[in-house]
């Protein structure tokens, strides 16, 4: 039983670490024309269009859109 619980905790931590790598925080910045952009979160660039929040059927967990 102890081995099973250690295994499950390990799986949870591995999943959490993997999930954390997929989300990237973009720092606030000013564009060339002087527009201020607040910081926001986006998916990490991985050249896979099906795991992006903007893909139909997916939603941004921070905004709900």
PDB file of N, CA and C in Angstrom:
ATOM      1  N   UNK A   1       0.820  -1.193   0.000  1.00  0.00           N
ATOM      2  CA  UNK A   1       0.000   0.000   0.000  1.00  0.00           C
ATOM      3  C   UNK A   1       0.868   1.262   0.000  1.00  0.00           C
ATOM      4  N   UNK A   2       1.958   1.240   0.779  1.00  0.00           N
ATOM      5  CA  UNK A   2       2.846   2.394   0.835  1.00  0.00           C
ATOM      6  C   UNK A   2       3.505   2.619  -0.520  1.00  0.00           C
ATOM      7  N   UNK A   3       3.871   1.548  -1.194  1.00  0.00           N
ATOM      8  CA  UNK A   3       4.501   1.655  -2.507  1.00  0.00           C
ATOM      9  C   UNK A   3       3.536   2.265  -3.515  1.00  0.00           C
ATOM     10  N   UNK A   4       2.274   1.877  -3.439  1.00  0.00           N
ATOM     11  CA  UNK A   4       1.263   2.419  -4.349  1.00  0.00           C
ATOM     12  C   UNK A   4       1.081   3.916  -4.125  1.00  0.00           C
ATOM     13  N   UNK A   5       1.020   4.345  -2.879  1.00  0.00           N
ATOM     14  CA  UNK A   5       0.827   5.769  -2.607  1.00  0.00           C
ATOM     15  C   UNK A   5       2.056   6.580  -3.054  1.00  0.00           C
ATOM     16  N   UNK A   6       3.244   6.051  -2.863  1.00  0.00           N
ATOM     17  CA  UNK A   6       4.456   6.739  -3.321  1.00  0.00           C
ATOM     18  C   UNK A   6       4.452   6.827  -4.849  1.00  0.00           C
ATOM     19  N   UNK A   7       4.036   5.771  -5.501  1.00  0.00           N
ATOM     20  CA  UNK A   7       3.944   5.756  -6.959  1.00  0.00           C
ATOM     21  C   UNK A   7       2.944   6.800  -7.456  1.00  0.00           C
ATOM     22  N   UNK A   8       1.775   6.875  -6.827  1.00  0.00           N
ATOM     23  CA  UNK A   8       0.750   7.830  -7.238  1.00  0.00           C
ATOM     24  C   UNK A   8       1.201   9.271  -7.005  1.00  0.00           C
ATOM     25  N   UNK A   9       1.870   9.517  -5.895  1.00  0.00           N
ATOM     26  CA  UNK A   9       2.389  10.863  -5.626  1.00  0.00           C
ATOM     27  C   UNK A   9       3.434  11.231  -6.673  1.00  0.00           C
ATOM     28  N   UNK A  10       4.298  10.287  -7.022  1.00  0.00           N
ATOM     29  CA  UNK A  10       5.303  10.523  -8.053  1.00  0.00           C
ATOM     30  C   UNK A  10       4.671  10.839  -9.397  1.00  0.00           C
ATOM     31  N   UNK A  11       3.623  10.101  -9.747  1.00  0.00           N
ATOM     32  CA  UNK A  11       2.922  10.353 -11.015  1.00  0.00           C
ATOM     33  C   UNK A  11       2.290  11.735 -11.016  1.00  0.00           C
ATOM     34  N   UNK A  12       1.704  12.116  -9.884  1.00  0.00           N
ATOM     35  CA  UNK A  12       1.081  13.441  -9.778  1.00  0.00           C
ATOM     36  C   UNK A  12       2.123  14.539  -9.957  1.00  0.00           C
ATOM     37  N   UNK A  13       3.262  14.415  -9.299  1.00  0.00           N
ATOM     38  CA  UNK A  13       4.308  15.426  -9.402  1.00  0.00           C
ATOM     39  C   UNK A  13       4.862  15.515 -10.815  1.00  0.00           C
ATOM     40  N   UNK A  14       5.028  14.378 -11.456  1.00  0.00           N
ATOM     41  CA  UNK A  14       5.510  14.365 -12.831  1.00  0.00           C
ATOM     42  C   UNK A  14       4.511  15.042 -13.767  1.00  0.00           C
ATOM     43  N   UNK A  15       3.241  14.764 -13.569  1.00  0.00           N
ATOM     44  CA  UNK A  15       2.200  15.388 -14.385  1.00  0.00           C
ATOM     45  C   UNK A  15       2.157  16.889 -14.152  1.00  0.00           C
ATOM     46  N   UNK A  16       2.260  17.304 -12.901  1.00  0.00           N
ATOM     47  CA  UNK A  16       2.231  18.736 -12.582  1.00  0.00           C
ATOM     48  C   UNK A  16       3.432  19.446 -13.203  1.00  0.00           C
ATOM     49  N   UNK A  17       4.593  18.829 -13.150  1.00  0.00           N
ATOM     50  CA  UNK A  17       5.792  19.436 -13.734  1.00  0.00           C
ATOM     51  C   UNK A  17       5.659  19.537 -15.251  1.00  0.00           C
ATOM     52  N   UNK A  18       5.101  18.517 -15.878  1.00  0.00           N
ATOM     53  CA  UNK A  18       4.910  18.528 -17.328  1.00  0.00           C
ATOM     54  C   UNK A  18       3.906  19.590 -17.719  1.00  0.00           C
ATOM     55  N   UNK A  19       2.827  19.709 -16.957  1.00  0.00           N
ATOM     56  CA  UNK A  19       1.799  20.702 -17.246  1.00  0.00           C
ATOM     57  C   UNK A  19       2.347  22.109 -17.081  1.00  0.00           C
ATOM     58  N   UNK A  20       3.187  22.324 -16.101  1.00  0.00           N
ATOM     59  CA  UNK A  20       3.734  23.656 -15.856  1.00  0.00           C
ATOM     60  C   UNK A  20       4.636  24.111 -17.005  1.00  0.00           C
ATOM     61  N   UNK A  21       5.234  23.203 -17.698  1.00  0.00           N
ATOM     62  CA  UNK A  21       6.116  23.559 -18.801  1.00  0.00           C
ATOM     63  C   UNK A  21       5.339  23.986 -20.042  1.00  0.00           C
ATOM     64  N   UNK A  22       4.095  23.670 -20.113  1.00  0.00           N
ATOM     65  CA  UNK A  22       3.302  23.991 -21.291  1.00  0.00           C
ATOM     66  C   UNK A  22       2.750  25.407 -21.266  1.00  0.00           C
ATOM     67  N   UNK A  23       2.775  26.057 -20.107  1.00  0.00           N
ATOM     68  CA  UNK A  23       2.227  27.394 -19.971  1.00  0.00           C
ATOM     69  C   UNK A  23       3.376  28.384 -19.814  1.00  0.00           C
ATOM     70  N   UNK A  24       3.343  29.441 -20.615  1.00  0.00           N
ATOM     71  CA  UNK A  24       4.411  30.429 -20.620  1.00  0.00           C
ATOM     72  C   UNK A  24       3.811  31.789 -20.286  1.00  0.00           C
ATOM     73  N   UNK A  25       4.480  32.516 -19.393  1.00  0.00           N
ATOM     74  CA  UNK A  25       4.048  33.880 -19.069  1.00  0.00           C
ATOM     75  C   UNK A  25       4.796  34.839 -19.989  1.00  0.00           C
ATOM     76  N   UNK A  26       4.052  35.697 -20.664  1.00  0.00           N
ATOM     77  CA  UNK A  26       4.640  36.717 -21.514  1.00  0.00           C
ATOM     78  C   UNK A  26       4.707  37.999 -20.688  1.00  0.00           C
ATOM     79  N   UNK A  27       5.894  38.555 -20.570  1.00  0.00           N
ATOM     80  CA  UNK A  27       6.090  39.757 -19.752  1.00  0.00           C
ATOM     81  C   UNK A  27       5.437  40.979 -20.399  1.00  0.00           C
ATOM     82  N   UNK A  28       5.069  41.965 -19.576  1.00  0.00           N
ATOM     83  CA  UNK A  28       4.524  43.197 -20.155  1.00  0.00           C
ATOM     84  C   UNK A  28       5.580  43.901 -21.004  1.00  0.00           C
ATOM     85  N   UNK A  29       5.131  44.534 -22.060  1.00  0.00           N
ATOM     86  CA  UNK A  29       6.063  45.207 -22.950  1.00  0.00           C
ATOM     87  C   UNK A  29       5.372  46.343 -23.693  1.00  0.00           C
ATOM     88  N   UNK A  30       6.160  47.166 -24.351  1.00  0.00           N
ATOM     89  CA  UNK A  30       5.653  48.274 -25.153  1.00  0.00           C
ATOM     90  C   UNK A  30       5.986  47.977 -26.607  1.00  0.00           C
ATOM     91  N   UNK A  31       4.985  48.095 -27.460  1.00  0.00           N
ATOM     92  CA  UNK A  31       5.195  47.832 -28.880  1.00  0.00           C
ATOM     93  C   UNK A  31       5.912  49.013 -29.535  1.00  0.00           C
ATOM     94  N   UNK A  32       6.298  48.840 -30.784  1.00  0.00           N
ATOM     95  CA  UNK A  32       7.013  49.901 -31.500  1.00  0.00           C
ATOM     96  C   UNK A  32       6.213  51.193 -31.610  1.00  0.00           C
ATOM     97  N   UNK A  33       4.899  51.058 -31.720  1.00  0.00           N
ATOM     98  CA  UNK A  33       4.077  52.269 -31.857  1.00  0.00           C
ATOM     99  C   UNK A  33       3.664  52.851 -30.497  1.00  0.00           C
ATOM    100  N   UNK A  34       4.227  52.345 -29.389  1.00  0.00           N
ATOM    101  CA  UNK A  34       3.993  52.908 -28.068  1.00  0.00           C
ATOM    102  C   UNK A  34       2.848  52.317 -27.284  1.00  0.00           C
ATOM    103  N   UNK A  35       2.223  51.283 -27.794  1.00  0.00           N
ATOM    104  CA  UNK A  35       1.107  50.645 -27.094  1.00  0.00           C
ATOM    105  C   UNK A  35       1.635  49.724 -26.003  1.00  0.00           C
ATOM    106  N   UNK A  36       1.077  49.846 -24.800  1.00  0.00           N
ATOM    107  CA  UNK A  36       1.485  49.014 -23.668  1.00  0.00           C
ATOM    108  C   UNK A  36       0.680  47.724 -23.677  1.00  0.00           C
ATOM    109  N   UNK A  37       1.357  46.590 -23.571  1.00  0.00           N
ATOM    110  CA  UNK A  37       0.728  45.273 -23.526  1.00  0.00           C
ATOM    111  C   UNK A  37       0.953  44.688 -22.138  1.00  0.00           C
ATOM    112  N   UNK A  38      -0.132  44.344 -21.436  1.00  0.00           N
ATOM    113  CA  UNK A  38      -0.015  43.742 -20.118  1.00  0.00           C
ATOM    114  C   UNK A  38       0.499  42.310 -20.245  1.00  0.00           C
ATOM    115  N   UNK A  39       1.003  41.772 -19.135  1.00  0.00           N
ATOM    116  CA  UNK A  39       1.476  40.389 -19.182  1.00  0.00           C
ATOM    117  C   UNK A  39       0.276  39.454 -19.338  1.00  0.00           C
ATOM    118  N   UNK A  40       0.529  38.305 -19.934  1.00  0.00           N
ATOM    119  CA  UNK A  40      -0.522  37.305 -20.133  1.00  0.00           C
ATOM    120  C   UNK A  40       0.123  35.934 -20.226  1.00  0.00           C
ATOM    121  N   UNK A  41      -0.695  34.901 -20.197  1.00  0.00           N
ATOM    122  CA  UNK A  41      -0.226  33.525 -20.293  1.00  0.00           C
ATOM    123  C   UNK A  41      -0.631  32.959 -21.646  1.00  0.00           C
ATOM    124  N   UNK A  42       0.245  32.125 -22.178  1.00  0.00           N
ATOM    125  CA  UNK A  42      -0.057  31.437 -23.440  1.00  0.00           C
ATOM    126  C   UNK A  42       0.571  30.059 -23.397  1.00  0.00           C
ATOM    127  N   UNK A  43       0.189  29.238 -24.342  1.00  0.00           N
ATOM    128  CA  UNK A  43       0.800  27.917 -24.425  1.00  0.00           C
ATOM    129  C   UNK A  43       2.203  28.056 -24.980  1.00  0.00           C
ATOM    130  N   UNK A  44       3.077  27.167 -24.569  1.00  0.00           N
ATOM    131  CA  UNK A  44       4.457  27.191 -25.047  1.00  0.00           C
ATOM    132  C   UNK A  44       4.489  26.846 -26.532  1.00  0.00           C
ATOM    133  N   UNK A  45       5.338  27.506 -27.299  1.00  0.00           N
ATOM    134  CA  UNK A  45       5.420  27.199 -28.722  1.00  0.00           C
ATOM    135  C   UNK A  45       5.993  25.801 -28.946  1.00  0.00           C
ATOM    136  N   UNK A  46       5.217  24.942 -29.599  1.00  0.00           N
ATOM    137  CA  UNK A  46       5.687  23.579 -29.856  1.00  0.00           C
ATOM    138  C   UNK A  46       5.284  23.095 -31.247  1.00  0.00           C
ATOM    139  N   UNK A  47       4.817  24.017 -32.078  1.00  0.00           N
ATOM    140  CA  UNK A  47       4.446  23.708 -33.460  1.00  0.00           C
ATOM    141  C   UNK A  47       3.310  22.696 -33.559  1.00  0.00           C
ATOM    142  N   UNK A  48       2.444  22.650 -32.536  1.00  0.00           N
ATOM    143  CA  UNK A  48       1.280  21.773 -32.559  1.00  0.00           C
ATOM    144  C   UNK A  48       0.046  22.657 -32.436  1.00  0.00           C
ATOM    145  N   UNK A  49      -0.726  22.780 -33.487  1.00  0.00           N
ATOM    146  CA  UNK A  49      -1.861  23.706 -33.462  1.00  0.00           C
ATOM    147  C   UNK A  49      -3.051  23.157 -32.680  1.00  0.00           C
ATOM    148  N   UNK A  50      -3.053  21.886 -32.325  1.00  0.00           N
ATOM    149  CA  UNK A  50      -4.202  21.295 -31.658  1.00  0.00           C
ATOM    150  C   UNK A  50      -4.198  21.486 -30.148  1.00  0.00           C
ATOM    151  N   UNK A  51      -3.094  21.914 -29.553  1.00  0.00           N
ATOM    152  CA  UNK A  51      -3.088  22.113 -28.108  1.00  0.00           C
ATOM    153  C   UNK A  51      -3.080  23.586 -27.728  1.00  0.00           C
ATOM    154  N   UNK A  52      -3.353  24.463 -28.674  1.00  0.00           N
ATOM    155  CA  UNK A  52      -3.407  25.893 -28.382  1.00  0.00           C
ATOM    156  C   UNK A  52      -4.783  26.261 -27.868  1.00  0.00           C
ATOM    157  N   UNK A  53      -4.833  27.268 -26.994  1.00  0.00           N
ATOM    158  CA  UNK A  53      -6.111  27.684 -26.414  1.00  0.00           C
ATOM    159  C   UNK A  53      -7.031  28.294 -27.464  1.00  0.00           C
ATOM    160  N   UNK A  54      -6.465  28.814 -28.546  1.00  0.00           N
ATOM    161  CA  UNK A  54      -7.301  29.449 -29.557  1.00  0.00           C
ATOM    162  C   UNK A  54      -7.927  28.443 -30.521  1.00  0.00           C
ATOM    163  N   UNK A  55      -7.503  27.194 -30.471  1.00  0.00           N
ATOM    164  CA  UNK A  55      -8.067  26.179 -31.353  1.00  0.00           C
ATOM    165  C   UNK A  55      -9.502  25.884 -30.937  1.00  0.00           C
ATOM    166  N   UNK A  56     -10.379  25.713 -31.900  1.00  0.00           N
ATOM    167  CA  UNK A  56     -11.793  25.446 -31.627  1.00  0.00           C
ATOM    168  C   UNK A  56     -11.934  24.222 -30.718  1.00  0.00           C
ATOM    169  N   UNK A  57     -12.714  24.381 -29.657  1.00  0.00           N
ATOM    170  CA  UNK A  57     -12.924  23.297 -28.700  1.00  0.00           C
ATOM    171  C   UNK A  57     -12.058  23.423 -27.455  1.00  0.00           C
ATOM    172  N   UNK A  58     -10.993  24.209 -27.501  1.00  0.00           N
ATOM    173  CA  UNK A  58     -10.130  24.437 -26.342  1.00  0.00           C
ATOM    174  C   UNK A  58     -10.500  25.761 -25.694  1.00  0.00           C
ATOM    175  N   UNK A  59     -10.174  25.891 -24.408  1.00  0.00           N
ATOM    176  CA  UNK A  59     -10.433  27.166 -23.736  1.00  0.00           C
ATOM    177  C   UNK A  59      -9.258  27.531 -22.837  1.00  0.00           C
ATOM    178  N   UNK A  60      -9.059  28.821 -22.668  1.00  0.00           N
ATOM    179  CA  UNK A  60      -8.009  29.335 -21.806  1.00  0.00           C
ATOM    180  C   UNK A  60      -8.448  29.177 -20.354  1.00  0.00           C
ATOM    181  N   UNK A  61      -7.702  28.446 -19.518  1.00  0.00           N
ATOM    182  CA  UNK A  61      -8.139  28.225 -18.142  1.00  0.00           C
ATOM    183  C   UNK A  61      -8.079  29.500 -17.293  1.00  0.00           C
ATOM    184  N   UNK A  62      -7.400  30.519 -17.756  1.00  0.00           N
ATOM    185  CA  UNK A  62      -7.300  31.767 -16.996  1.00  0.00           C
ATOM    186  C   UNK A  62      -8.425  32.733 -17.311  1.00  0.00           C
ATOM    187  N   UNK A  63      -8.901  32.733 -18.549  1.00  0.00           N
ATOM    188  CA  UNK A  63      -9.959  33.666 -18.939  1.00  0.00           C
ATOM    189  C   UNK A  63     -11.299  32.980 -19.185  1.00  0.00           C
ATOM    190  N   UNK A  64     -11.277  31.677 -19.425  1.00  0.00           N
ATOM    191  CA  UNK A  64     -12.514  30.960 -19.727  1.00  0.00           C
ATOM    192  C   UNK A  64     -12.975  31.107 -21.169  1.00  0.00           C
ATOM    193  N   UNK A  65     -12.232  31.840 -21.967  1.00  0.00           N
ATOM    194  CA  UNK A  65     -12.616  32.054 -23.383  1.00  0.00           C
ATOM    195  C   UNK A  65     -12.049  30.957 -24.250  1.00  0.00           C
TER     196      UNK A  65
END
